Amino acid sequence: MKVMKYKYTISNYTENEFNKKDQECEQLIDKLKDLVEDAENQSIVIIDGVKYPTSMLWHDIATTALELANYADWFDRYDQKNNSRKD
């Protein structure tokens, strides 16, 4: 029987953790904006002297967007947990 390992861990829904994730999320949003701008301009990506096609940028855009979706889920859970404490 194969055991499934989940990527997600139980998180502390504290204000400190919220601030940390908020800062990380802002950095990802800035990264996403830069990636989209480069992809729209059809920039060639050069890493260590090797040229990569614009499609690589779009792949990075999709990956970054999924990371942001995970942050959005965390913020939703944070809101639910903290709103339930107030009730």
Protein backbone atom coordinates (compact mmCIF):
# COMPACT_ATOMS: atom_id res chain seq x y z
CA MET A 1 0.00 0.00 0.00
CA LYS A 2 1.38 3.38 -1.03
CA VAL A 3 1.37 6.08 1.64
CA MET A 4 0.50 9.58 0.41
CA LYS A 5 2.67 12.39 1.70
CA TYR A 6 1.10 15.80 1.70
CA LYS A 7 3.00 18.96 0.92
CA TYR A 8 0.95 21.01 3.34
CA THR A 9 1.75 21.15 7.01
CA ILE A 10 -0.29 22.32 9.94
CA SER A 11 0.33 26.00 10.17
CA ASN A 12 0.25 28.50 12.98
CA TYR A 13 -2.43 31.04 12.22
CA THR A 14 -0.82 33.79 14.28
CA GLU A 15 -0.47 37.46 13.43
CA ASN A 16 3.28 36.94 13.20
CA GLU A 17 2.84 34.15 10.66
CA PHE A 18 0.31 36.30 8.79
CA ASN A 19 2.84 39.14 8.48
CA LYS A 20 5.54 36.73 7.29
CA LYS A 21 3.28 35.22 4.63
CA ASP A 22 2.02 38.67 3.61
CA GLN A 23 5.58 39.80 2.93
CA GLU A 24 6.36 36.61 0.99
CA CYS A 25 3.17 37.05 -1.02
CA GLU A 26 4.05 40.65 -1.90
CA GLN A 27 7.45 39.49 -3.17
CA LEU A 28 5.80 36.81 -5.31
CA ILE A 29 3.37 39.36 -6.75
CA ASP A 30 6.29 41.62 -7.72
CA LYS A 31 8.05 38.62 -9.28
CA LEU A 32 4.90 37.72 -11.22
CA LYS A 33 4.57 41.28 -12.55
CA ASP A 34 8.19 41.25 -13.73
CA LEU A 35 7.82 37.85 -15.37
CA VAL A 36 4.64 38.90 -17.20
CA GLU A 37 6.28 42.10 -18.43
CA ASP A 38 9.27 40.16 -19.75
CA ALA A 39 7.06 37.53 -21.40
CA GLU A 40 4.85 40.17 -23.03
CA ASN A 41 7.99 41.74 -24.49
CA GLN A 42 9.04 38.28 -25.65
CA SER A 43 12.35 38.63 -23.85
CA ILE A 44 14.94 35.94 -24.25
CA VAL A 45 16.02 34.46 -20.94
CA ILE A 46 19.74 34.03 -20.49
CA ILE A 47 20.89 31.93 -17.54
CA ASP A 48 24.60 31.20 -17.18
CA GLY A 49 25.13 32.15 -20.82
CA VAL A 50 22.43 29.77 -22.10
CA LYS A 51 19.48 31.25 -24.02
CA TYR A 52 15.98 29.97 -23.22
CA PRO A 53 12.75 30.67 -25.14
CA THR A 54 9.95 32.91 -23.91
CA SER A 55 7.92 29.78 -23.16
CA MET A 56 10.16 29.27 -20.14
CA LEU A 57 8.92 32.60 -18.78
CA TRP A 58 5.31 31.51 -19.22
CA HIS A 59 6.10 28.31 -17.33
CA ASP A 60 7.54 30.39 -14.49
CA ILE A 61 4.45 32.62 -14.59
CA ALA A 62 2.18 29.60 -14.20
CA THR A 63 4.28 28.20 -11.35
CA THR A 64 4.32 31.55 -9.55
CA ALA A 65 0.55 31.94 -10.00
CA LEU A 66 0.02 28.53 -8.38
CA GLU A 67 2.24 29.56 -5.47
CA LEU A 68 0.11 32.69 -5.06
CA ALA A 69 -3.04 30.52 -5.09
CA ASN A 70 -1.57 28.53 -2.18
CA TYR A 71 -0.98 31.77 -0.28
CA ALA A 72 -4.57 32.86 -1.01
CA ASP A 73 -5.80 29.55 0.43
CA TRP A 74 -3.69 30.09 3.54
CA PHE A 75 -5.09 33.62 3.99
CA ASP A 76 -8.64 32.25 3.60
CA ARG A 77 -7.98 29.63 6.30
CA TYR A 78 -6.42 32.33 8.52
CA ASP A 79 -9.54 34.48 8.14
CA GLN A 80 -11.86 31.55 8.86
CA LYS A 81 -9.92 30.49 11.92
CA ASN A 82 -9.66 34.01 13.35
CA ASN A 83 -13.28 34.87 12.57
CA SER A 84 -14.44 31.70 14.33
CA ARG A 85 -12.51 32.78 17.44
CA LYS A 86 -14.48 36.03 17.56
CA ASP A 87 -17.86 34.27 17.49
